[in-house]
């Protein structure tokens, strides 16, 4: 089964790692529709930017728990409400490494 890899900015990576962020947002555009709708993944790998292959501290491995569609207002996307995929990243893995 495939793995979904999502590179993140530092502030979002840290918030997910410390448990204060439970969803990762991606704009509901054809690019993400193709990757999410009707698909299932074995796991999600969240990376701090684009780490080297041997940099396991910059990766979080989580079980795939699906997504929901939402309309949100978020500073990252600007002042207007946007339609997003809210990917569930609430269940943190015990291991922060996996290749």
PDB file of N, CA and C in Angstrom:
ATOM      1  N   UNK A   1       0.854  -1.175   0.000  1.00  0.00           N
ATOM      2  CA  UNK A   1       0.000   0.000   0.000  1.00  0.00           C
ATOM      3  C   UNK A   1       0.905   1.245   0.000  1.00  0.00           C
ATOM      4  N   UNK A   2       0.520   2.287  -0.698  1.00  0.00           N
ATOM      5  CA  UNK A   2       1.375   3.476  -0.807  1.00  0.00           C
ATOM      6  C   UNK A   2       1.486   4.285   0.484  1.00  0.00           C
ATOM      7  N   UNK A   3       2.486   5.139   0.502  1.00  0.00           N
ATOM      8  CA  UNK A   3       2.745   6.045   1.630  1.00  0.00           C
ATOM      9  C   UNK A   3       2.544   7.468   1.136  1.00  0.00           C
ATOM     10  N   UNK A   4       1.835   8.276   1.904  1.00  0.00           N
ATOM     11  CA  UNK A   4       1.650   9.690   1.576  1.00  0.00           C
ATOM     12  C   UNK A   4       2.717  10.487   2.311  1.00  0.00           C
ATOM     13  N   UNK A   5       3.559  11.196   1.576  1.00  0.00           N
ATOM     14  CA  UNK A   5       4.613  12.015   2.172  1.00  0.00           C
ATOM     15  C   UNK A   5       4.248  13.481   2.018  1.00  0.00           C
ATOM     16  N   UNK A   6       4.272  14.209   3.139  1.00  0.00           N
ATOM     17  CA  UNK A   6       3.925  15.624   3.137  1.00  0.00           C
ATOM     18  C   UNK A   6       5.060  16.441   3.748  1.00  0.00           C
ATOM     19  N   UNK A   7       5.775  17.220   2.947  1.00  0.00           N
ATOM     20  CA  UNK A   7       6.773  18.134   3.507  1.00  0.00           C
ATOM     21  C   UNK A   7       6.060  19.312   4.186  1.00  0.00           C
ATOM     22  N   UNK A   8       6.559  19.705   5.362  1.00  0.00           N
ATOM     23  CA  UNK A   8       5.920  20.763   6.140  1.00  0.00           C
ATOM     24  C   UNK A   8       6.912  21.851   6.516  1.00  0.00           C
ATOM     25  N   UNK A   9       6.385  23.046   6.746  1.00  0.00           N
ATOM     26  CA  UNK A   9       7.177  24.120   7.338  1.00  0.00           C
ATOM     27  C   UNK A   9       7.421  23.778   8.801  1.00  0.00           C
ATOM     28  N   UNK A  10       8.490  24.322   9.349  1.00  0.00           N
ATOM     29  CA  UNK A  10       8.897  24.007  10.712  1.00  0.00           C
ATOM     30  C   UNK A  10       7.819  24.197  11.759  1.00  0.00           C
ATOM     31  N   UNK A  11       7.093  25.312  11.709  1.00  0.00           N
ATOM     32  CA  UNK A  11       6.086  25.578  12.744  1.00  0.00           C
ATOM     33  C   UNK A  11       4.975  24.525  12.742  1.00  0.00           C
ATOM     34  N   UNK A  12       4.581  24.028  11.566  1.00  0.00           N
ATOM     35  CA  UNK A  12       3.526  23.032  11.484  1.00  0.00           C
ATOM     36  C   UNK A  12       4.047  21.654  11.898  1.00  0.00           C
ATOM     37  N   UNK A  13       5.274  21.332  11.491  1.00  0.00           N
ATOM     38  CA  UNK A  13       5.897  20.068  11.888  1.00  0.00           C
ATOM     39  C   UNK A  13       5.986  19.973  13.411  1.00  0.00           C
ATOM     40  N   UNK A  14       6.470  21.041  14.036  1.00  0.00           N
ATOM     41  CA  UNK A  14       6.619  21.063  15.498  1.00  0.00           C
ATOM     42  C   UNK A  14       5.266  20.958  16.200  1.00  0.00           C
ATOM     43  N   UNK A  15       4.254  21.629  15.679  1.00  0.00           N
ATOM     44  CA  UNK A  15       2.921  21.590  16.291  1.00  0.00           C
ATOM     45  C   UNK A  15       2.318  20.188  16.216  1.00  0.00           C
ATOM     46  N   UNK A  16       2.535  19.491  15.112  1.00  0.00           N
ATOM     47  CA  UNK A  16       2.042  18.116  14.997  1.00  0.00           C
ATOM     48  C   UNK A  16       2.837  17.218  15.938  1.00  0.00           C
ATOM     49  N   UNK A  17       4.147  17.405  15.975  1.00  0.00           N
ATOM     50  CA  UNK A  17       4.988  16.577  16.845  1.00  0.00           C
ATOM     51  C   UNK A  17       4.616  16.751  18.321  1.00  0.00           C
ATOM     52  N   UNK A  18       4.307  17.981  18.732  1.00  0.00           N
ATOM     53  CA  UNK A  18       3.976  18.195  20.155  1.00  0.00           C
ATOM     54  C   UNK A  18       2.491  17.924  20.456  1.00  0.00           C
ATOM     55  N   UNK A  19       1.712  17.575  19.431  1.00  0.00           N
ATOM     56  CA  UNK A  19       0.324  17.182  19.643  1.00  0.00           C
ATOM     57  C   UNK A  19      -0.695  18.302  19.633  1.00  0.00           C
ATOM     58  N   UNK A  20      -0.272  19.538  19.333  1.00  0.00           N
ATOM     59  CA  UNK A  20      -1.218  20.653  19.345  1.00  0.00           C
ATOM     60  C   UNK A  20      -1.915  20.885  17.997  1.00  0.00           C
ATOM     61  N   UNK A  21      -1.455  20.246  16.949  1.00  0.00           N
ATOM     62  CA  UNK A  21      -2.079  20.368  15.619  1.00  0.00           C
ATOM     63  C   UNK A  21      -2.555  18.978  15.205  1.00  0.00           C
ATOM     64  N   UNK A  22      -3.842  18.873  14.870  1.00  0.00           N
ATOM     65  CA  UNK A  22      -4.435  17.569  14.588  1.00  0.00           C
ATOM     66  C   UNK A  22      -4.823  17.371  13.127  1.00  0.00           C
ATOM     67  N   UNK A  23      -4.735  18.430  12.339  1.00  0.00           N
ATOM     68  CA  UNK A  23      -5.054  18.333  10.913  1.00  0.00           C
ATOM     69  C   UNK A  23      -4.004  19.096  10.112  1.00  0.00           C
ATOM     70  N   UNK A  24      -3.672  18.550   8.958  1.00  0.00           N
ATOM     71  CA  UNK A  24      -2.792  19.233   8.014  1.00  0.00           C
ATOM     72  C   UNK A  24      -3.642  19.576   6.800  1.00  0.00           C
ATOM     73  N   UNK A  25      -3.576  20.827   6.363  1.00  0.00           N
ATOM     74  CA  UNK A  25      -4.454  21.306   5.296  1.00  0.00           C
ATOM     75  C   UNK A  25      -3.745  21.365   3.951  1.00  0.00           C
ATOM     76  N   UNK A  26      -4.485  20.953   2.928  1.00  0.00           N
ATOM     77  CA  UNK A  26      -4.055  21.105   1.545  1.00  0.00           C
ATOM     78  C   UNK A  26      -5.238  21.655   0.763  1.00  0.00           C
ATOM     79  N   UNK A  27      -4.981  22.637  -0.096  1.00  0.00           N
ATOM     80  CA  UNK A  27      -6.061  23.240  -0.879  1.00  0.00           C
ATOM     81  C   UNK A  27      -6.785  22.192  -1.711  1.00  0.00           C
ATOM     82  N   UNK A  28      -8.089  22.299  -1.782  1.00  0.00           N
ATOM     83  CA  UNK A  28      -8.910  21.368  -2.555  1.00  0.00           C
ATOM     84  C   UNK A  28      -8.843  21.746  -4.030  1.00  0.00           C
ATOM     85  N   UNK A  29      -7.736  21.405  -4.627  1.00  0.00           N
ATOM     86  CA  UNK A  29      -7.473  21.649  -6.050  1.00  0.00           C
ATOM     87  C   UNK A  29      -7.272  20.294  -6.734  1.00  0.00           C
ATOM     88  N   UNK A  30      -7.295  20.248  -8.062  1.00  0.00           N
ATOM     89  CA  UNK A  30      -7.125  18.973  -8.763  1.00  0.00           C
ATOM     90  C   UNK A  30      -5.863  18.196  -8.351  1.00  0.00           C
ATOM     91  N   UNK A  31      -4.777  18.898  -8.069  1.00  0.00           N
ATOM     92  CA  UNK A  31      -3.530  18.236  -7.658  1.00  0.00           C
ATOM     93  C   UNK A  31      -3.771  17.340  -6.438  1.00  0.00           C
ATOM     94  N   UNK A  32      -4.440  17.882  -5.405  1.00  0.00           N
ATOM     95  CA  UNK A  32      -4.677  17.112  -4.182  1.00  0.00           C
ATOM     96  C   UNK A  32      -5.876  16.190  -4.318  1.00  0.00           C
ATOM     97  N   UNK A  33      -6.855  16.547  -5.120  1.00  0.00           N
ATOM     98  CA  UNK A  33      -7.992  15.657  -5.355  1.00  0.00           C
ATOM     99  C   UNK A  33      -7.511  14.328  -5.906  1.00  0.00           C
ATOM    100  N   UNK A  34      -6.621  14.403  -6.872  1.00  0.00           N
ATOM    101  CA  UNK A  34      -6.074  13.209  -7.516  1.00  0.00           C
ATOM    102  C   UNK A  34      -5.321  12.327  -6.513  1.00  0.00           C
ATOM    103  N   UNK A  35      -4.666  12.927  -5.540  1.00  0.00           N
ATOM    104  CA  UNK A  35      -3.856  12.188  -4.579  1.00  0.00           C
ATOM    105  C   UNK A  35      -4.633  11.677  -3.368  1.00  0.00           C
ATOM    106  N   UNK A  36      -5.806  12.265  -3.107  1.00  0.00           N
ATOM    107  CA  UNK A  36      -6.531  11.906  -1.888  1.00  0.00           C
ATOM    108  C   UNK A  36      -7.870  11.206  -2.132  1.00  0.00           C
ATOM    109  N   UNK A  37      -8.663  11.707  -3.046  1.00  0.00           N
ATOM    110  CA  UNK A  37     -10.014  11.171  -3.223  1.00  0.00           C
ATOM    111  C   UNK A  37      -9.975   9.733  -3.740  1.00  0.00           C
ATOM    112  N   UNK A  38     -10.688   8.869  -3.024  1.00  0.00           N
ATOM    113  CA  UNK A  38     -10.770   7.468  -3.420  1.00  0.00           C
ATOM    114  C   UNK A  38      -9.500   6.675  -3.173  1.00  0.00           C
ATOM    115  N   UNK A  39      -8.556   7.238  -2.434  1.00  0.00           N
ATOM    116  CA  UNK A  39      -7.281   6.557  -2.184  1.00  0.00           C
ATOM    117  C   UNK A  39      -7.143   6.241  -0.703  1.00  0.00           C
ATOM    118  N   UNK A  40      -6.330   5.259  -0.430  1.00  0.00           N
ATOM    119  CA  UNK A  40      -6.000   4.916   0.942  1.00  0.00           C
ATOM    120  C   UNK A  40      -4.498   4.720   1.008  1.00  0.00           C
ATOM    121  N   UNK A  41      -3.925   5.001   2.154  1.00  0.00           N
ATOM    122  CA  UNK A  41      -2.482   4.903   2.332  1.00  0.00           C
ATOM    123  C   UNK A  41      -2.176   4.029   3.538  1.00  0.00           C
ATOM    124  N   UNK A  42      -1.032   3.394   3.523  1.00  0.00           N
ATOM    125  CA  UNK A  42      -0.585   2.601   4.661  1.00  0.00           C
ATOM    126  C   UNK A  42      -0.239   3.520   5.825  1.00  0.00           C
ATOM    127  N   UNK A  43       0.380   4.642   5.489  1.00  0.00           N
ATOM    128  CA  UNK A  43       0.800   5.596   6.512  1.00  0.00           C
ATOM    129  C   UNK A  43       1.084   6.947   5.872  1.00  0.00           C
ATOM    130  N   UNK A  44       1.268   7.935   6.740  1.00  0.00           N
ATOM    131  CA  UNK A  44       1.657   9.271   6.312  1.00  0.00           C
ATOM    132  C   UNK A  44       3.040   9.533   6.874  1.00  0.00           C
ATOM    133  N   UNK A  45       3.925  10.073   6.052  1.00  0.00           N
ATOM    134  CA  UNK A  45       5.240  10.504   6.521  1.00  0.00           C
ATOM    135  C   UNK A  45       5.273  12.021   6.404  1.00  0.00           C
ATOM    136  N   UNK A  46       5.371  12.677   7.549  1.00  0.00           N
ATOM    137  CA  UNK A  46       5.465  14.131   7.594  1.00  0.00           C
ATOM    138  C   UNK A  46       6.938  14.477   7.747  1.00  0.00           C
ATOM    139  N   UNK A  47       7.425  15.364   6.885  1.00  0.00           N
ATOM    140  CA  UNK A  47       8.839  15.718   6.950  1.00  0.00           C
ATOM    141  C   UNK A  47       9.002  17.207   7.240  1.00  0.00           C
ATOM    142  N   UNK A  48      10.061  17.512   7.925  1.00  0.00           N
ATOM    143  CA  UNK A  48      10.444  18.899   8.181  1.00  0.00           C
ATOM    144  C   UNK A  48      11.198  19.367   6.952  1.00  0.00           C
ATOM    145  N   UNK A  49      10.486  20.029   6.054  1.00  0.00           N
ATOM    146  CA  UNK A  49      11.081  20.420   4.777  1.00  0.00           C
ATOM    147  C   UNK A  49      11.379  19.193   3.937  1.00  0.00           C
ATOM    148  N   UNK A  50      12.579  19.169   3.354  1.00  0.00           N
ATOM    149  CA  UNK A  50      13.009  18.060   2.512  1.00  0.00           C
ATOM    150  C   UNK A  50      14.312  17.504   3.086  1.00  0.00           C
ATOM    151  N   UNK A  51      14.202  16.650   4.130  1.00  0.00           N
ATOM    152  CA  UNK A  51      15.399  16.184   4.822  1.00  0.00           C
ATOM    153  C   UNK A  51      16.191  15.161   4.013  1.00  0.00           C
ATOM    154  N   UNK A  52      17.462  15.017   4.383  1.00  0.00           N
ATOM    155  CA  UNK A  52      18.311  13.981   3.789  1.00  0.00           C
ATOM    156  C   UNK A  52      17.734  12.614   4.150  1.00  0.00           C
ATOM    157  N   UNK A  53      18.029  11.625   3.356  1.00  0.00           N
ATOM    158  CA  UNK A  53      17.484  10.282   3.556  1.00  0.00           C
ATOM    159  C   UNK A  53      17.803   9.711   4.938  1.00  0.00           C
ATOM    160  N   UNK A  54      18.953  10.060   5.492  1.00  0.00           N
ATOM    161  CA  UNK A  54      19.348   9.514   6.790  1.00  0.00           C
ATOM    162  C   UNK A  54      18.964  10.418   7.970  1.00  0.00           C
ATOM    163  N   UNK A  55      18.205  11.474   7.714  1.00  0.00           N
ATOM    164  CA  UNK A  55      17.785  12.400   8.771  1.00  0.00           C
ATOM    165  C   UNK A  55      16.428  11.965   9.325  1.00  0.00           C
ATOM    166  N   UNK A  56      16.433  11.000  10.228  1.00  0.00           N
ATOM    167  CA  UNK A  56      15.196  10.439  10.765  1.00  0.00           C
ATOM    168  C   UNK A  56      14.525  11.335  11.801  1.00  0.00           C
ATOM    169  N   UNK A  57      15.260  12.256  12.376  1.00  0.00           N
ATOM    170  CA  UNK A  57      14.681  13.181  13.359  1.00  0.00           C
ATOM    171  C   UNK A  57      13.711  14.162  12.714  1.00  0.00           C
ATOM    172  N   UNK A  58      13.826  14.336  11.409  1.00  0.00           N
ATOM    173  CA  UNK A  58      12.974  15.285  10.691  1.00  0.00           C
ATOM    174  C   UNK A  58      11.794  14.611  10.015  1.00  0.00           C
ATOM    175  N   UNK A  59      11.404  13.448  10.531  1.00  0.00           N
ATOM    176  CA  UNK A  59      10.270  12.695   9.980  1.00  0.00           C
ATOM    177  C   UNK A  59       9.356  12.229  11.108  1.00  0.00           C
ATOM    178  N   UNK A  60       8.073  12.307  10.848  1.00  0.00           N
ATOM    179  CA  UNK A  60       7.062  11.716  11.724  1.00  0.00           C
ATOM    180  C   UNK A  60       6.287  10.713  10.891  1.00  0.00           C
ATOM    181  N   UNK A  61       6.130   9.515  11.392  1.00  0.00           N
ATOM    182  CA  UNK A  61       5.393   8.472  10.686  1.00  0.00           C
ATOM    183  C   UNK A  61       4.090   8.236  11.440  1.00  0.00           C
ATOM    184  N   UNK A  62       2.982   8.418  10.747  1.00  0.00           N
ATOM    185  CA  UNK A  62       1.652   8.309  11.353  1.00  0.00           C
ATOM    186  C   UNK A  62       0.798   7.321  10.576  1.00  0.00           C
ATOM    187  N   UNK A  63      -0.164   6.717  11.242  1.00  0.00           N
ATOM    188  CA  UNK A  63      -1.110   5.871  10.503  1.00  0.00           C
ATOM    189  C   UNK A  63      -2.031   6.749   9.649  1.00  0.00           C
ATOM    190  N   UNK A  64      -2.467   6.234   8.533  1.00  0.00           N
ATOM    191  CA  UNK A  64      -3.426   6.940   7.683  1.00  0.00           C
ATOM    192  C   UNK A  64      -4.788   6.887   8.354  1.00  0.00           C
ATOM    193  N   UNK A  65      -5.364   8.045   8.620  1.00  0.00           N
ATOM    194  CA  UNK A  65      -6.681   8.124   9.248  1.00  0.00           C
ATOM    195  C   UNK A  65      -7.664   8.908   8.389  1.00  0.00           C
ATOM    196  N   UNK A  66      -7.300   9.149   7.139  1.00  0.00           N
ATOM    197  CA  UNK A  66      -8.218   9.794   6.215  1.00  0.00           C
ATOM    198  C   UNK A  66      -8.219  11.311   6.290  1.00  0.00           C
ATOM    199  N   UNK A  67      -9.236  11.893   5.680  1.00  0.00           N
ATOM    200  CA  UNK A  67      -9.349  13.348   5.577  1.00  0.00           C
ATOM    201  C   UNK A  67     -10.819  13.729   5.535  1.00  0.00           C
ATOM    202  N   UNK A  68     -11.068  15.007   5.717  1.00  0.00           N
ATOM    203  CA  UNK A  68     -12.395  15.576   5.501  1.00  0.00           C
ATOM    204  C   UNK A  68     -12.227  16.834   4.666  1.00  0.00           C
ATOM    205  N   UNK A  69     -13.296  17.232   3.983  1.00  0.00           N
ATOM    206  CA  UNK A  69     -13.297  18.507   3.257  1.00  0.00           C
ATOM    207  C   UNK A  69     -13.880  19.557   4.175  1.00  0.00           C
ATOM    208  N   UNK A  70     -13.218  20.715   4.218  1.00  0.00           N
ATOM    209  CA  UNK A  70     -13.669  21.816   5.065  1.00  0.00           C
ATOM    210  C   UNK A  70     -13.464  23.137   4.352  1.00  0.00           C
ATOM    211  N   UNK A  71     -14.168  24.138   4.809  1.00  0.00           N
ATOM    212  CA  UNK A  71     -13.910  25.510   4.400  1.00  0.00           C
ATOM    213  C   UNK A  71     -13.333  26.207   5.625  1.00  0.00           C
ATOM    214  N   UNK A  72     -12.137  26.773   5.456  1.00  0.00           N
ATOM    215  CA  UNK A  72     -11.455  27.413   6.581  1.00  0.00           C
ATOM    216  C   UNK A  72     -10.905  28.772   6.165  1.00  0.00           C
ATOM    217  N   UNK A  73     -10.580  29.568   7.153  1.00  0.00           N
ATOM    218  CA  UNK A  73      -9.808  30.787   6.955  1.00  0.00           C
ATOM    219  C   UNK A  73      -8.521  30.582   7.736  1.00  0.00           C
ATOM    220  N   UNK A  74      -7.401  30.714   7.048  1.00  0.00           N
ATOM    221  CA  UNK A  74      -6.101  30.445   7.674  1.00  0.00           C
ATOM    222  C   UNK A  74      -5.089  31.426   7.097  1.00  0.00           C
ATOM    223  N   UNK A  75      -4.211  31.988   7.924  1.00  0.00           N
ATOM    224  CA  UNK A  75      -3.230  32.971   7.439  1.00  0.00           C
ATOM    225  C   UNK A  75      -2.363  32.457   6.283  1.00  0.00           C
ATOM    226  N   UNK A  76      -2.083  31.161   6.286  1.00  0.00           N
ATOM    227  CA  UNK A  76      -1.244  30.588   5.220  1.00  0.00           C
ATOM    228  C   UNK A  76      -1.896  30.727   3.841  1.00  0.00           C
ATOM    229  N   UNK A  77      -3.237  30.692   3.814  1.00  0.00           N
ATOM    230  CA  UNK A  77      -3.965  30.746   2.547  1.00  0.00           C
ATOM    231  C   UNK A  77      -4.531  32.125   2.227  1.00  0.00           C
ATOM    232  N   UNK A  78      -4.290  33.103   3.072  1.00  0.00           N
ATOM    233  CA  UNK A  78      -4.784  34.448   2.826  1.00  0.00           C
ATOM    234  C   UNK A  78      -6.033  34.754   3.642  1.00  0.00           C
ATOM    235  N   UNK A  79      -6.615  35.954   3.438  1.00  0.00           N
ATOM    236  CA  UNK A  79      -7.724  36.411   4.281  1.00  0.00           C
ATOM    237  C   UNK A  79      -9.092  35.805   3.946  1.00  0.00           C
ATOM    238  N   UNK A  80      -9.235  35.228   2.764  1.00  0.00           N
ATOM    239  CA  UNK A  80     -10.547  34.714   2.352  1.00  0.00           C
ATOM    240  C   UNK A  80     -10.710  33.238   2.710  1.00  0.00           C
ATOM    241  N   UNK A  81     -11.946  32.790   2.951  1.00  0.00           N
ATOM    242  CA  UNK A  81     -12.193  31.369   3.205  1.00  0.00           C
ATOM    243  C   UNK A  81     -11.801  30.530   1.980  1.00  0.00           C
ATOM    244  N   UNK A  82     -11.235  29.352   2.238  1.00  0.00           N
ATOM    245  CA  UNK A  82     -10.832  28.438   1.166  1.00  0.00           C
ATOM    246  C   UNK A  82     -11.318  27.027   1.490  1.00  0.00           C
ATOM    247  N   UNK A  83     -11.539  26.247   0.438  1.00  0.00           N
ATOM    248  CA  UNK A  83     -11.923  24.847   0.564  1.00  0.00           C
ATOM    249  C   UNK A  83     -10.637  24.022   0.645  1.00  0.00           C
ATOM    250  N   UNK A  84     -10.532  23.164   1.662  1.00  0.00           N
ATOM    251  CA  UNK A  84      -9.315  22.383   1.878  1.00  0.00           C
ATOM    252  C   UNK A  84      -9.634  20.923   2.159  1.00  0.00           C
ATOM    253  N   UNK A  85      -8.616  20.097   1.995  1.00  0.00           N
ATOM    254  CA  UNK A  85      -8.610  18.745   2.536  1.00  0.00           C
ATOM    255  C   UNK A  85      -7.941  18.854   3.894  1.00  0.00           C
ATOM    256  N   UNK A  86      -8.630  18.426   4.939  1.00  0.00           N
ATOM    257  CA  UNK A  86      -8.082  18.427   6.293  1.00  0.00           C
ATOM    258  C   UNK A  86      -7.646  16.990   6.589  1.00  0.00           C
ATOM    259  N   UNK A  87      -6.357  16.735   6.450  1.00  0.00           N
ATOM    260  CA  UNK A  87      -5.802  15.393   6.630  1.00  0.00           C
ATOM    261  C   UNK A  87      -5.586  15.158   8.124  1.00  0.00           C
ATOM    262  N   UNK A  88      -6.124  14.064   8.620  1.00  0.00           N
ATOM    263  CA  UNK A  88      -6.039  13.740  10.048  1.00  0.00           C
ATOM    264  C   UNK A  88      -4.615  13.304  10.405  1.00  0.00           C
ATOM    265  N   UNK A  89      -3.966  14.082  11.252  1.00  0.00           N
ATOM    266  CA  UNK A  89      -2.618  13.750  11.732  1.00  0.00           C
ATOM    267  C   UNK A  89      -2.622  13.671  13.265  1.00  0.00           C
ATOM    268  N   UNK A  90      -3.764  13.291  13.831  1.00  0.00           N
ATOM    269  CA  UNK A  90      -3.917  13.317  15.284  1.00  0.00           C
ATOM    270  C   UNK A  90      -3.274  12.142  16.004  1.00  0.00           C
ATOM    271  N   UNK A  91      -3.091  11.027  15.348  1.00  0.00           N
ATOM    272  CA  UNK A  91      -2.545   9.843  16.022  1.00  0.00           C
ATOM    273  C   UNK A  91      -1.056   9.723  15.752  1.00  0.00           C
ATOM    274  N   UNK A  92      -0.278  10.225  16.650  1.00  0.00           N
ATOM    275  CA  UNK A  92       1.168  10.232  16.476  1.00  0.00           C
ATOM    276  C   UNK A  92       1.757   8.848  16.695  1.00  0.00           C
ATOM    277  N   UNK A  93       2.678   8.461  15.846  1.00  0.00           N
ATOM    278  CA  UNK A  93       3.382   7.200  15.983  1.00  0.00           C
ATOM    279  C   UNK A  93       4.365   7.268  17.143  1.00  0.00           C
ATOM    280  N   UNK A  94       4.640   6.150  17.757  1.00  0.00           N
ATOM    281  CA  UNK A  94       5.643   6.097  18.816  1.00  0.00           C
ATOM    282  C   UNK A  94       7.030   6.334  18.244  1.00  0.00           C
ATOM    283  N   UNK A  95       7.229   5.971  16.995  1.00  0.00           N
ATOM    284  CA  UNK A  95       8.537   6.129  16.362  1.00  0.00           C
ATOM    285  C   UNK A  95       8.509   7.307  15.416  1.00  0.00           C
ATOM    286  N   UNK A  96       9.473   8.188  15.530  1.00  0.00           N
ATOM    287  CA  UNK A  96       9.535   9.345  14.643  1.00  0.00           C
ATOM    288  C   UNK A  96      10.369   9.039  13.415  1.00  0.00           C
ATOM    289  N   UNK A  97      10.707   7.782  13.214  1.00  0.00           N
ATOM    290  CA  UNK A  97      11.511   7.461  12.040  1.00  0.00           C
ATOM    291  C   UNK A  97      10.922   6.296  11.271  1.00  0.00           C
ATOM    292  N   UNK A  98      11.063   6.339   9.996  1.00  0.00           N
ATOM    293  CA  UNK A  98      10.706   5.250   9.105  1.00  0.00           C
ATOM    294  C   UNK A  98      11.116   5.686   7.721  1.00  0.00           C
ATOM    295  N   UNK A  99      11.709   4.814   6.985  1.00  0.00           N
ATOM    296  CA  UNK A  99      12.145   5.156   5.628  1.00  0.00           C
ATOM    297  C   UNK A  99      11.097   4.769   4.634  1.00  0.00           C
TER     298      UNK A  99
END
